[in-house]
Amino acid sequence: MRAESGLIEVGVLVALIEYVILTLISIQQFAAFITVLPRAKVSLDRVGEVLATAEPVWIPATGEGESVRQDSSSGIEIEQLTFRYPDASLPVIDELSLAVRTGTTSAIIGSTGSGKTTLLRLLIRDYDPTRGSIRIDGRDFRDLTREDFNRLFTIVPQQTFLFSDSIRENIRAGKPDASDEEIWSVLDACQIGDFFRSSKDRLDTDIAQNAVNLSGGQKQRIALARGLIRDTRYYLFDDCFSALDFATERKVRQTIQERLTGKTLIIVAQRVATVRHAAEILVMDEGAIAGRGSHEALLASSTIYQEIIVSQVRGEVS
């Protein structure tokens, strides 16, 4: 109205509108800053806590003494092992004794929270036991260096993590000097080689962030391939077959057994089909071994093992 009547010039009106818009934008930015500032402070406090946290276990990178004997055949010996997480009231593993002979395949099965994954993490010394001892090839595992653990153990964890890079580089994380032939070999062993042969980029196929362009089963098989390409004495598989269908899982397990002949395998699983062919099956319950033996022996003697089988059969039927 004022512009039409000549009381205010059009240029002045446009300038006034621009100033109001700039002022509103500044107010919005200030409001956003006030909202973000507390979150940033909380994040900085968490980062500070992480940086200030001491490592629960200190392992020397290299040692001056004798390294692990490459010709040793005593395997893994666990005696009266007890472990309690910091600030926990009850132990996760309680007075557990176990011997794993070199060149055998042992399986561990049990309900969630029974201590299966914790036992594997203790073997690679993510934690030190509260009581008891672990001996690897005749030596106390506290005497081993990071180099020894890296040479002795390969672990395929339950939670799959893949890098945002090509398939080739993801597999080479297990063996940096691996050739393309070796990479194709382990991919074929994990029943996923043909999938990448049919893709345009083959081994140069990129994995997106968080591997969103792959299914759960594909991610697990790539992680398995990354573990299989390593040459170590002990292989720990922590429920890393759970996303595979039964037919694929059976083929992958058979190939793994063939490739790792003479190696020591410890397989943690919740499905009976995954562990039933192991030489020895350990049934864990509340941090202790509630039964041990072959599938047939446990089927006849272990109530917990029978309950696991019944629950899984019911789940398949439903």
C-alpha atoms as a PDB file:
ATOM      1  CA  MET A   1       0.000   0.000   0.000  1.00  0.00           C
ATOM      2  CA  ARG A   2       2.690   2.511   0.983  1.00  0.00           C
ATOM      3  CA  ALA A   3       4.748   1.605  -2.082  1.00  0.00           C
ATOM      4  CA  GLU A   4       1.735   2.123  -4.305  1.00  0.00           C
ATOM      5  CA  SER A   5       0.924   5.487  -2.714  1.00  0.00           C
ATOM      6  CA  GLY A   6       4.554   6.595  -2.964  1.00  0.00           C
ATOM      7  CA  LEU A   7       5.125   6.862   0.813  1.00  0.00           C
ATOM      8  CA  ILE A   8       7.993   4.360   0.547  1.00  0.00           C
ATOM      9  CA  GLU A   9      10.240   3.537  -2.350  1.00  0.00           C
ATOM     10  CA  VAL A  10      10.259   0.036  -3.819  1.00  0.00           C
ATOM     11  CA  GLY A  11      14.002  -0.301  -3.277  1.00  0.00           C
ATOM     12  CA  VAL A  12      13.629   0.518   0.400  1.00  0.00           C
ATOM     13  CA  LEU A  13      10.839  -2.083   0.733  1.00  0.00           C
ATOM     14  CA  VAL A  14      12.966  -4.779  -0.926  1.00  0.00           C
ATOM     15  CA  ALA A  15      15.912  -3.911   1.323  1.00  0.00           C
ATOM     16  CA  LEU A  16      13.682  -4.108   4.392  1.00  0.00           C
ATOM     17  CA  ILE A  17      12.430  -7.573   3.401  1.00  0.00           C
ATOM     18  CA  GLU A  18      16.018  -8.759   2.818  1.00  0.00           C
ATOM     19  CA  TYR A  19      17.103  -7.496   6.235  1.00  0.00           C
ATOM     20  CA  VAL A  20      14.187  -9.267   7.902  1.00  0.00           C
ATOM     21  CA  ILE A  21      15.042 -12.521   6.093  1.00  0.00           C
ATOM     22  CA  LEU A  22      18.720 -12.236   7.112  1.00  0.00           C
ATOM     23  CA  THR A  23      17.678 -11.582  10.694  1.00  0.00           C
ATOM     24  CA  LEU A  24      15.403 -14.636  10.736  1.00  0.00           C
ATOM     25  CA  ILE A  25      18.132 -16.804   9.248  1.00  0.00           C
ATOM     26  CA  SER A  26      20.538 -15.665  11.962  1.00  0.00           C
ATOM     27  CA  ILE A  27      17.953 -16.418  14.655  1.00  0.00           C
ATOM     28  CA  GLN A  28      17.419 -19.919  13.207  1.00  0.00           C
ATOM     29  CA  GLN A  29      21.174 -20.568  13.121  1.00  0.00           C
ATOM     30  CA  PHE A  30      21.490 -19.403  16.726  1.00  0.00           C
ATOM     31  CA  ALA A  31      18.627 -21.690  17.768  1.00  0.00           C
ATOM     32  CA  ALA A  32      20.288 -24.609  15.986  1.00  0.00           C
ATOM     33  CA  PHE A  33      23.590 -23.775  17.694  1.00  0.00           C
ATOM     34  CA  ILE A  34      21.913 -23.802  21.105  1.00  0.00           C
ATOM     35  CA  THR A  35      20.427 -27.230  20.284  1.00  0.00           C
ATOM     36  CA  VAL A  36      23.668 -28.735  19.007  1.00  0.00           C
ATOM     37  CA  LEU A  37      25.959 -27.331  21.705  1.00  0.00           C
ATOM     38  CA  PRO A  38      24.807 -29.660  24.542  1.00  0.00           C
ATOM     39  CA  ARG A  39      25.064 -32.665  22.236  1.00  0.00           C
ATOM     40  CA  ALA A  40      28.567 -31.676  21.211  1.00  0.00           C
ATOM     41  CA  LYS A  41      29.599 -31.310  24.841  1.00  0.00           C
ATOM     42  CA  VAL A  42      28.285 -34.777  25.686  1.00  0.00           C
ATOM     43  CA  SER A  43      30.148 -36.235  22.693  1.00  0.00           C
ATOM     44  CA  LEU A  44      33.377 -34.477  23.690  1.00  0.00           C
ATOM     45  CA  ASP A  45      33.022 -35.800  27.233  1.00  0.00           C
ATOM     46  CA  ARG A  46      32.627 -39.334  25.876  1.00  0.00           C
ATOM     47  CA  VAL A  47      35.673 -38.955  23.643  1.00  0.00           C
ATOM     48  CA  GLY A  48      37.618 -37.724  26.654  1.00  0.00           C
ATOM     49  CA  GLU A  49      36.528 -40.744  28.680  1.00  0.00           C
ATOM     50  CA  VAL A  50      37.640 -43.107  25.919  1.00  0.00           C
ATOM     51  CA  LEU A  51      41.040 -41.410  25.602  1.00  0.00           C
ATOM     52  CA  ALA A  52      41.511 -41.463  29.368  1.00  0.00           C
ATOM     53  CA  THR A  53      40.582 -45.139  29.717  1.00  0.00           C
ATOM     54  CA  ALA A  54      43.529 -47.426  30.262  1.00  0.00           C
ATOM     55  CA  GLU A  55      43.743 -50.667  28.280  1.00  0.00           C
ATOM     56  CA  PRO A  56      42.381 -53.585  30.334  1.00  0.00           C
ATOM     57  CA  VAL A  57      45.277 -55.738  29.169  1.00  0.00           C
ATOM     58  CA  TRP A  58      48.736 -54.662  28.099  1.00  0.00           C
ATOM     59  CA  ILE A  59      50.395 -57.004  25.601  1.00  0.00           C
ATOM     60  CA  PRO A  60      53.925 -56.281  24.339  1.00  0.00           C
ATOM     61  CA  ALA A  61      54.212 -55.965  20.567  1.00  0.00           C
ATOM     62  CA  THR A  62      57.301 -58.158  20.398  1.00  0.00           C
ATOM     63  CA  GLY A  63      59.213 -60.145  22.960  1.00  0.00           C
ATOM     64  CA  GLU A  64      62.850 -60.665  23.757  1.00  0.00           C
ATOM     65  CA  GLY A  65      62.471 -64.221  24.860  1.00  0.00           C
ATOM     66  CA  GLU A  66      61.489 -67.465  23.207  1.00  0.00           C
ATOM     67  CA  SER A  67      58.587 -67.229  20.778  1.00  0.00           C
ATOM     68  CA  VAL A  68      55.868 -69.813  20.431  1.00  0.00           C
ATOM     69  CA  ARG A  69      57.246 -73.161  19.380  1.00  0.00           C
ATOM     70  CA  GLN A  70      56.031 -73.929  15.886  1.00  0.00           C
ATOM     71  CA  ASP A  71      56.315 -77.707  16.397  1.00  0.00           C
ATOM     72  CA  SER A  72      54.357 -77.779  19.639  1.00  0.00           C
ATOM     73  CA  SER A  73      51.303 -80.046  19.746  1.00  0.00           C
ATOM     74  CA  SER A  74      49.960 -79.538  23.256  1.00  0.00           C
ATOM     75  CA  GLY A  75      47.091 -77.325  22.088  1.00  0.00           C
ATOM     76  CA  ILE A  76      45.045 -75.125  24.429  1.00  0.00           C
ATOM     77  CA  GLU A  77      44.792 -75.937  28.121  1.00  0.00           C
ATOM     78  CA  ILE A  78      42.368 -74.070  30.384  1.00  0.00           C
ATOM     79  CA  GLU A  79      42.360 -74.751  34.116  1.00  0.00           C
ATOM     80  CA  GLN A  80      39.846 -73.471  36.689  1.00  0.00           C
ATOM     81  CA  LEU A  81      39.103 -70.410  34.589  1.00  0.00           C
ATOM     82  CA  THR A  82      36.915 -67.746  36.200  1.00  0.00           C
ATOM     83  CA  PHE A  83      36.143 -64.369  34.682  1.00  0.00           C
ATOM     84  CA  ARG A  84      34.013 -61.501  35.885  1.00  0.00           C
ATOM     85  CA  TYR A  85      33.484 -58.320  33.881  1.00  0.00           C
ATOM     86  CA  PRO A  86      34.364 -55.075  35.726  1.00  0.00           C
ATOM     87  CA  ASP A  87      31.637 -54.029  38.180  1.00  0.00           C
ATOM     88  CA  ALA A  88      29.703 -57.257  37.547  1.00  0.00           C
ATOM     89  CA  SER A  89      28.332 -59.088  40.584  1.00  0.00           C
ATOM     90  CA  LEU A  90      28.483 -62.587  39.097  1.00  0.00           C
ATOM     91  CA  PRO A  91      31.147 -64.279  36.964  1.00  0.00           C
ATOM     92  CA  VAL A  92      30.446 -64.895  33.277  1.00  0.00           C
ATOM     93  CA  ILE A  93      32.710 -67.952  33.330  1.00  0.00           C
ATOM     94  CA  ASP A  94      33.008 -69.954  36.529  1.00  0.00           C
ATOM     95  CA  GLU A  95      35.676 -72.570  37.293  1.00  0.00           C
ATOM     96  CA  LEU A  96      35.906 -73.802  33.701  1.00  0.00           C
ATOM     97  CA  SER A  97      38.497 -76.394  32.724  1.00  0.00           C
ATOM     98  CA  LEU A  98      39.052 -77.456  29.134  1.00  0.00           C
ATOM     99  CA  ALA A  99      41.675 -78.998  26.864  1.00  0.00           C
ATOM    100  CA  VAL A 100      41.618 -78.560  23.084  1.00  0.00           C
ATOM    101  CA  ARG A 101      44.004 -80.832  21.248  1.00  0.00           C
ATOM    102  CA  THR A 102      45.906 -79.635  18.205  1.00  0.00           C
ATOM    103  CA  GLY A 103      44.344 -80.555  14.873  1.00  0.00           C
ATOM    104  CA  THR A 104      40.838 -81.177  16.231  1.00  0.00           C
ATOM    105  CA  THR A 105      37.509 -79.429  15.712  1.00  0.00           C
ATOM    106  CA  SER A 106      35.652 -78.461  18.867  1.00  0.00           C
ATOM    107  CA  ALA A 107      32.255 -76.797  18.985  1.00  0.00           C
ATOM    108  CA  ILE A 108      30.642 -74.757  21.736  1.00  0.00           C
ATOM    109  CA  ILE A 109      26.885 -74.405  21.953  1.00  0.00           C
ATOM    110  CA  GLY A 110      24.633 -72.800  24.519  1.00  0.00           C
ATOM    111  CA  SER A 111      21.986 -70.206  25.111  1.00  0.00           C
ATOM    112  CA  THR A 112      22.598 -66.464  24.815  1.00  0.00           C
ATOM    113  CA  GLY A 113      24.663 -65.207  27.750  1.00  0.00           C
ATOM    114  CA  SER A 114      26.176 -68.579  28.621  1.00  0.00           C
ATOM    115  CA  GLY A 115      29.740 -67.292  28.110  1.00  0.00           C
ATOM    116  CA  LYS A 116      30.637 -68.675  24.671  1.00  0.00           C
ATOM    117  CA  THR A 117      31.918 -65.444  23.092  1.00  0.00           C
ATOM    118  CA  THR A 118      33.594 -64.400  26.352  1.00  0.00           C
ATOM    119  CA  LEU A 119      35.608 -67.615  26.327  1.00  0.00           C
ATOM    120  CA  LEU A 120      36.908 -66.887  22.827  1.00  0.00           C
ATOM    121  CA  ARG A 121      37.794 -63.322  23.795  1.00  0.00           C
ATOM    122  CA  LEU A 122      39.761 -64.643  26.755  1.00  0.00           C
ATOM    123  CA  LEU A 123      41.700 -66.986  24.458  1.00  0.00           C
ATOM    124  CA  ILE A 124      42.923 -64.062  22.330  1.00  0.00           C
ATOM    125  CA  ARG A 125      43.497 -62.084  25.539  1.00  0.00           C
ATOM    126  CA  ASP A 126      41.034 -59.272  25.113  1.00  0.00           C
ATOM    127  CA  TYR A 127      40.746 -59.705  28.876  1.00  0.00           C
ATOM    128  CA  ASP A 128      42.732 -61.406  31.590  1.00  0.00           C
ATOM    129  CA  PRO A 129      40.940 -64.025  33.689  1.00  0.00           C
ATOM    130  CA  THR A 130      39.969 -63.244  37.245  1.00  0.00           C
ATOM    131  CA  ARG A 131      41.329 -66.622  38.309  1.00  0.00           C
ATOM    132  CA  GLY A 132      42.741 -69.661  36.607  1.00  0.00           C
ATOM    133  CA  SER A 133      45.190 -70.134  33.761  1.00  0.00           C
ATOM    134  CA  ILE A 134      45.298 -70.506  29.984  1.00  0.00           C
ATOM    135  CA  ARG A 135      48.208 -72.222  28.283  1.00  0.00           C
ATOM    136  CA  ILE A 136      48.786 -72.066  24.532  1.00  0.00           C
ATOM    137  CA  ASP A 137      51.124 -74.750  23.182  1.00  0.00           C
ATOM    138  CA  GLY A 138      52.627 -75.245  26.613  1.00  0.00           C
ATOM    139  CA  ARG A 139      53.172 -71.556  27.431  1.00  0.00           C
ATOM    140  CA  ASP A 140      51.203 -69.272  29.700  1.00  0.00           C
ATOM    141  CA  PHE A 141      49.272 -66.956  27.400  1.00  0.00           C
ATOM    142  CA  ARG A 142      50.461 -63.955  29.456  1.00  0.00           C
ATOM    143  CA  ASP A 143      53.948 -64.620  28.078  1.00  0.00           C
ATOM    144  CA  LEU A 144      52.800 -64.256  24.463  1.00  0.00           C
ATOM    145  CA  THR A 145      53.272 -61.066  22.458  1.00  0.00           C
ATOM    146  CA  ARG A 146      50.898 -59.435  19.993  1.00  0.00           C
ATOM    147  CA  GLU A 147      53.022 -60.928  17.241  1.00  0.00           C
ATOM    148  CA  ASP A 148      52.496 -64.389  18.766  1.00  0.00           C
ATOM    149  CA  PHE A 149      48.724 -63.943  19.003  1.00  0.00           C
ATOM    150  CA  ASN A 150      48.578 -62.685  15.417  1.00  0.00           C
ATOM    151  CA  ARG A 151      50.531 -65.690  14.204  1.00  0.00           C
ATOM    152  CA  LEU A 152      48.586 -68.202  16.306  1.00  0.00           C
ATOM    153  CA  PHE A 153      44.958 -67.100  16.056  1.00  0.00           C
ATOM    154  CA  THR A 154      42.427 -66.174  13.416  1.00  0.00           C
ATOM    155  CA  ILE A 155      39.032 -65.137  14.721  1.00  0.00           C
ATOM    156  CA  VAL A 156      35.916 -64.508  12.645  1.00  0.00           C
ATOM    157  CA  PRO A 157      33.669 -62.508  14.988  1.00  0.00           C
ATOM    158  CA  GLN A 158      29.931 -62.668  15.396  1.00  0.00           C
ATOM    159  CA  GLN A 159      29.413 -59.074  14.254  1.00  0.00           C
ATOM    160  CA  THR A 160      30.615 -58.674  10.681  1.00  0.00           C
ATOM    161  CA  PHE A 161      32.654 -55.579   9.847  1.00  0.00           C
ATOM    162  CA  LEU A 162      33.673 -54.789   6.276  1.00  0.00           C
ATOM    163  CA  PHE A 163      35.665 -51.807   5.040  1.00  0.00           C
ATOM    164  CA  SER A 164      34.257 -49.308   2.543  1.00  0.00           C
ATOM    165  CA  ASP A 165      36.618 -50.522  -0.147  1.00  0.00           C
ATOM    166  CA  SER A 166      36.855 -53.149  -2.852  1.00  0.00           C
ATOM    167  CA  ILE A 167      36.375 -56.862  -2.270  1.00  0.00           C
ATOM    168  CA  ARG A 168      40.066 -57.378  -3.032  1.00  0.00           C
ATOM    169  CA  GLU A 169      41.224 -54.973  -0.314  1.00  0.00           C
ATOM    170  CA  ASN A 170      38.754 -56.373   2.216  1.00  0.00           C
ATOM    171  CA  ILE A 171      40.159 -59.882   1.731  1.00  0.00           C
ATOM    172  CA  ARG A 172      43.727 -58.585   1.775  1.00  0.00           C
ATOM    173  CA  ALA A 173      43.097 -57.225   5.252  1.00  0.00           C
ATOM    174  CA  GLY A 174      43.676 -60.834   6.292  1.00  0.00           C
ATOM    175  CA  LYS A 175      46.757 -61.308   4.097  1.00  0.00           C
ATOM    176  CA  PRO A 176      48.208 -58.127   2.570  1.00  0.00           C
ATOM    177  CA  ASP A 177      50.241 -59.927  -0.108  1.00  0.00           C
ATOM    178  CA  ALA A 178      47.439 -62.247  -1.251  1.00  0.00           C
ATOM    179  CA  SER A 179      47.247 -62.814  -4.997  1.00  0.00           C
ATOM    180  CA  ASP A 180      44.006 -62.667  -6.980  1.00  0.00           C
ATOM    181  CA  GLU A 181      44.110 -66.465  -7.352  1.00  0.00           C
ATOM    182  CA  GLU A 182      44.212 -66.883  -3.571  1.00  0.00           C
ATOM    183  CA  ILE A 183      41.344 -64.417  -3.162  1.00  0.00           C
ATOM    184  CA  TRP A 184      39.191 -66.255  -5.712  1.00  0.00           C
ATOM    185  CA  SER A 185      40.017 -69.526  -3.970  1.00  0.00           C
ATOM    186  CA  VAL A 186      38.740 -68.407  -0.564  1.00  0.00           C
ATOM    187  CA  LEU A 187      35.701 -66.713  -2.114  1.00  0.00           C
ATOM    188  CA  ASP A 188      34.851 -69.975  -3.874  1.00  0.00           C
ATOM    189  CA  ALA A 189      35.344 -71.832  -0.608  1.00  0.00           C
ATOM    190  CA  CYS A 190      32.762 -69.538   0.967  1.00  0.00           C
ATOM    191  CA  GLN A 191      30.312 -70.062  -1.912  1.00  0.00           C
ATOM    192  CA  ILE A 192      30.399 -66.438  -3.073  1.00  0.00           C
ATOM    193  CA  GLY A 193      33.019 -66.463  -5.836  1.00  0.00           C
ATOM    194  CA  ASP A 194      30.481 -66.849  -8.666  1.00  0.00           C
ATOM    195  CA  PHE A 195      28.538 -63.846  -7.388  1.00  0.00           C
ATOM    196  CA  PHE A 196      31.511 -61.529  -7.932  1.00  0.00           C
ATOM    197  CA  ARG A 197      32.545 -63.200 -11.189  1.00  0.00           C
ATOM    198  CA  SER A 198      29.164 -62.230 -12.596  1.00  0.00           C
ATOM    199  CA  SER A 199      29.513 -58.602 -11.460  1.00  0.00           C
ATOM    200  CA  LYS A 200      30.991 -55.999 -13.789  1.00  0.00           C
ATOM    201  CA  ASP A 201      33.911 -55.015 -11.528  1.00  0.00           C
ATOM    202  CA  ARG A 202      34.656 -58.504 -10.180  1.00  0.00           C
ATOM    203  CA  LEU A 203      37.250 -58.141  -7.376  1.00  0.00           C
ATOM    204  CA  ASP A 204      37.130 -54.362  -7.739  1.00  0.00           C
ATOM    205  CA  THR A 205      33.473 -54.326  -6.665  1.00  0.00           C
ATOM    206  CA  ASP A 206      33.101 -51.638  -4.017  1.00  0.00           C
ATOM    207  CA  ILE A 207      31.472 -52.275  -0.676  1.00  0.00           C
ATOM    208  CA  ALA A 208      29.332 -49.358   0.433  1.00  0.00           C
ATOM    209  CA  GLN A 209      29.537 -47.846   3.892  1.00  0.00           C
ATOM    210  CA  ASN A 210      28.203 -50.333   6.457  1.00  0.00           C
ATOM    211  CA  ALA A 211      28.012 -52.820   3.540  1.00  0.00           C
ATOM    212  CA  VAL A 212      24.418 -51.787   2.782  1.00  0.00           C
ATOM    213  CA  ASN A 213      24.768 -53.146  -0.784  1.00  0.00           C
ATOM    214  CA  LEU A 214      25.245 -56.701   0.543  1.00  0.00           C
ATOM    215  CA  SER A 215      22.935 -59.099   2.336  1.00  0.00           C
ATOM    216  CA  GLY A 216      23.699 -60.495   5.774  1.00  0.00           C
ATOM    217  CA  GLY A 217      24.754 -63.845   4.353  1.00  0.00           C
ATOM    218  CA  GLN A 218      27.056 -62.215   1.793  1.00  0.00           C
ATOM    219  CA  LYS A 219      28.720 -60.130   4.485  1.00  0.00           C
ATOM    220  CA  GLN A 220      29.324 -63.188   6.637  1.00  0.00           C
ATOM    221  CA  ARG A 221      30.836 -65.141   3.739  1.00  0.00           C
ATOM    222  CA  ILE A 222      33.217 -62.295   2.872  1.00  0.00           C
ATOM    223  CA  ALA A 223      34.283 -62.110   6.517  1.00  0.00           C
ATOM    224  CA  LEU A 224      34.830 -65.875   6.492  1.00  0.00           C
ATOM    225  CA  ALA A 225      36.931 -65.583   3.327  1.00  0.00           C
ATOM    226  CA  ARG A 226      39.042 -62.892   4.976  1.00  0.00           C
ATOM    227  CA  GLY A 227      39.711 -65.282   7.843  1.00  0.00           C
ATOM    228  CA  LEU A 228      40.364 -68.337   5.675  1.00  0.00           C
ATOM    229  CA  ILE A 229      43.073 -66.585   3.672  1.00  0.00           C
ATOM    230  CA  ARG A 230      45.187 -66.336   6.813  1.00  0.00           C
ATOM    231  CA  ASP A 231      47.580 -69.148   7.754  1.00  0.00           C
ATOM    232  CA  THR A 232      47.460 -69.621  11.532  1.00  0.00           C
ATOM    233  CA  ARG A 233      47.329 -72.565  13.900  1.00  0.00           C
ATOM    234  CA  TYR A 234      44.012 -71.843  15.591  1.00  0.00           C
ATOM    235  CA  TYR A 235      40.770 -70.675  13.961  1.00  0.00           C
ATOM    236  CA  LEU A 236      37.943 -69.321  16.107  1.00  0.00           C
ATOM    237  CA  PHE A 237      34.510 -69.002  14.479  1.00  0.00           C
ATOM    238  CA  ASP A 238      32.141 -67.025  16.695  1.00  0.00           C
ATOM    239  CA  ASP A 239      28.604 -67.779  15.468  1.00  0.00           C
ATOM    240  CA  CYS A 240      29.580 -66.479  12.017  1.00  0.00           C
ATOM    241  CA  PHE A 241      27.292 -68.869  10.088  1.00  0.00           C
ATOM    242  CA  SER A 242      24.019 -67.604  11.554  1.00  0.00           C
ATOM    243  CA  ALA A 243      22.932 -65.611   8.463  1.00  0.00           C
ATOM    244  CA  LEU A 244      23.477 -68.499   6.035  1.00  0.00           C
ATOM    245  CA  ASP A 245      20.751 -70.874   4.950  1.00  0.00           C
ATOM    246  CA  PHE A 246      21.267 -74.503   5.908  1.00  0.00           C
ATOM    247  CA  ALA A 247      22.362 -75.698   2.447  1.00  0.00           C
ATOM    248  CA  THR A 248      24.953 -72.937   1.997  1.00  0.00           C
ATOM    249  CA  GLU A 249      26.194 -73.339   5.545  1.00  0.00           C
ATOM    250  CA  ARG A 250      26.757 -77.058   5.043  1.00  0.00           C
ATOM    251  CA  LYS A 251      28.797 -76.457   1.881  1.00  0.00           C
ATOM    252  CA  VAL A 252      30.859 -73.711   3.535  1.00  0.00           C
ATOM    253  CA  ARG A 253      31.583 -75.854   6.604  1.00  0.00           C
ATOM    254  CA  GLN A 254      32.634 -78.822   4.478  1.00  0.00           C
ATOM    255  CA  THR A 255      35.003 -76.662   2.442  1.00  0.00           C
ATOM    256  CA  ILE A 256      36.455 -75.092   5.581  1.00  0.00           C
ATOM    257  CA  GLN A 257      37.148 -78.532   7.043  1.00  0.00           C
ATOM    258  CA  GLU A 258      38.939 -79.549   3.844  1.00  0.00           C
ATOM    259  CA  ARG A 259      41.027 -76.368   3.615  1.00  0.00           C
ATOM    260  CA  LEU A 260      41.959 -76.360   7.291  1.00  0.00           C
ATOM    261  CA  THR A 261      42.941 -80.002   7.650  1.00  0.00           C
ATOM    262  CA  GLY A 262      45.450 -80.282  10.495  1.00  0.00           C
ATOM    263  CA  LYS A 263      44.422 -76.949  12.012  1.00  0.00           C
ATOM    264  CA  THR A 264      42.627 -76.497  15.321  1.00  0.00           C
ATOM    265  CA  LEU A 265      39.086 -75.170  14.967  1.00  0.00           C
ATOM    266  CA  ILE A 266      36.784 -73.878  17.699  1.00  0.00           C
ATOM    267  CA  ILE A 267      33.264 -73.157  16.443  1.00  0.00           C
ATOM    268  CA  VAL A 268      30.778 -71.229  18.560  1.00  0.00           C
ATOM    269  CA  ALA A 269      27.181 -71.512  17.419  1.00  0.00           C
ATOM    270  CA  GLN A 270      23.584 -71.569  18.559  1.00  0.00           C
ATOM    271  CA  ARG A 271      22.302 -73.887  15.822  1.00  0.00           C
ATOM    272  CA  VAL A 272      22.736 -77.611  16.377  1.00  0.00           C
ATOM    273  CA  ALA A 273      23.123 -78.161  12.617  1.00  0.00           C
ATOM    274  CA  THR A 274      26.321 -76.088  12.733  1.00  0.00           C
ATOM    275  CA  VAL A 275      28.039 -78.141  15.452  1.00  0.00           C
ATOM    276  CA  ARG A 276      26.639 -81.675  15.149  1.00  0.00           C
ATOM    277  CA  HIS A 277      29.566 -82.970  13.047  1.00  0.00           C
ATOM    278  CA  ALA A 278      32.305 -81.640  15.359  1.00  0.00           C
ATOM    279  CA  ALA A 279      34.594 -84.168  17.028  1.00  0.00           C
ATOM    280  CA  GLU A 280      33.629 -82.789  20.428  1.00  0.00           C
ATOM    281  CA  ILE A 281      30.712 -80.545  21.373  1.00  0.00           C
ATOM    282  CA  LEU A 282      30.787 -78.514  24.583  1.00  0.00           C
ATOM    283  CA  VAL A 283      27.451 -77.431  26.035  1.00  0.00           C
ATOM    284  CA  MET A 284      27.831 -74.238  28.061  1.00  0.00           C
ATOM    285  CA  ASP A 285      25.328 -73.049  30.630  1.00  0.00           C
ATOM    286  CA  GLU A 286      25.830 -70.081  32.968  1.00  0.00           C
ATOM    287  CA  GLY A 287      29.567 -69.969  32.370  1.00  0.00           C
ATOM    288  CA  ALA A 288      30.261 -73.645  32.976  1.00  0.00           C
ATOM    289  CA  ILE A 289      30.454 -76.758  30.826  1.00  0.00           C
ATOM    290  CA  ALA A 290      27.206 -78.638  31.341  1.00  0.00           C
ATOM    291  CA  GLY A 291      27.982 -81.434  28.908  1.00  0.00           C
ATOM    292  CA  ARG A 292      30.571 -82.622  26.435  1.00  0.00           C
ATOM    293  CA  GLY A 293      30.824 -85.308  23.806  1.00  0.00           C
ATOM    294  CA  SER A 294      29.635 -86.131  20.310  1.00  0.00           C
ATOM    295  CA  HIS A 295      26.214 -85.214  18.966  1.00  0.00           C
ATOM    296  CA  GLU A 296      24.898 -88.712  19.576  1.00  0.00           C
ATOM    297  CA  ALA A 297      26.302 -88.871  23.121  1.00  0.00           C
ATOM    298  CA  LEU A 298      24.856 -85.498  24.108  1.00  0.00           C
ATOM    299  CA  LEU A 299      21.530 -86.360  22.526  1.00  0.00           C
ATOM    300  CA  ALA A 300      21.331 -89.285  24.942  1.00  0.00           C
ATOM    301  CA  SER A 301      22.807 -87.687  28.072  1.00  0.00           C
ATOM    302  CA  SER A 302      22.467 -83.864  28.087  1.00  0.00           C
ATOM    303  CA  THR A 303      19.113 -82.356  29.030  1.00  0.00           C
ATOM    304  CA  ILE A 304      20.226 -78.864  27.966  1.00  0.00           C
ATOM    305  CA  TYR A 305      21.331 -80.132  24.549  1.00  0.00           C
ATOM    306  CA  GLN A 306      17.993 -81.867  24.106  1.00  0.00           C
ATOM    307  CA  GLU A 307      16.151 -78.662  25.048  1.00  0.00           C
ATOM    308  CA  ILE A 308      18.158 -76.697  22.460  1.00  0.00           C
ATOM    309  CA  ILE A 309      17.234 -79.185  19.750  1.00  0.00           C
ATOM    310  CA  VAL A 310      13.546 -79.144  20.706  1.00  0.00           C
ATOM    311  CA  SER A 311      13.435 -75.323  20.732  1.00  0.00           C
ATOM    312  CA  GLN A 312      15.016 -75.134  17.280  1.00  0.00           C
ATOM    313  CA  VAL A 313      12.693 -77.762  15.822  1.00  0.00           C
ATOM    314  CA  ARG A 314       9.708 -75.829  17.183  1.00  0.00           C
ATOM    315  CA  GLY A 315      11.099 -72.618  15.679  1.00  0.00           C
ATOM    316  CA  GLU A 316      11.417 -74.218  12.248  1.00  0.00           C
ATOM    317  CA  VAL A 317       7.886 -75.618  12.426  1.00  0.00           C
ATOM    318  CA  SER A 318       6.367 -72.289  13.466  1.00  0.00           C
END
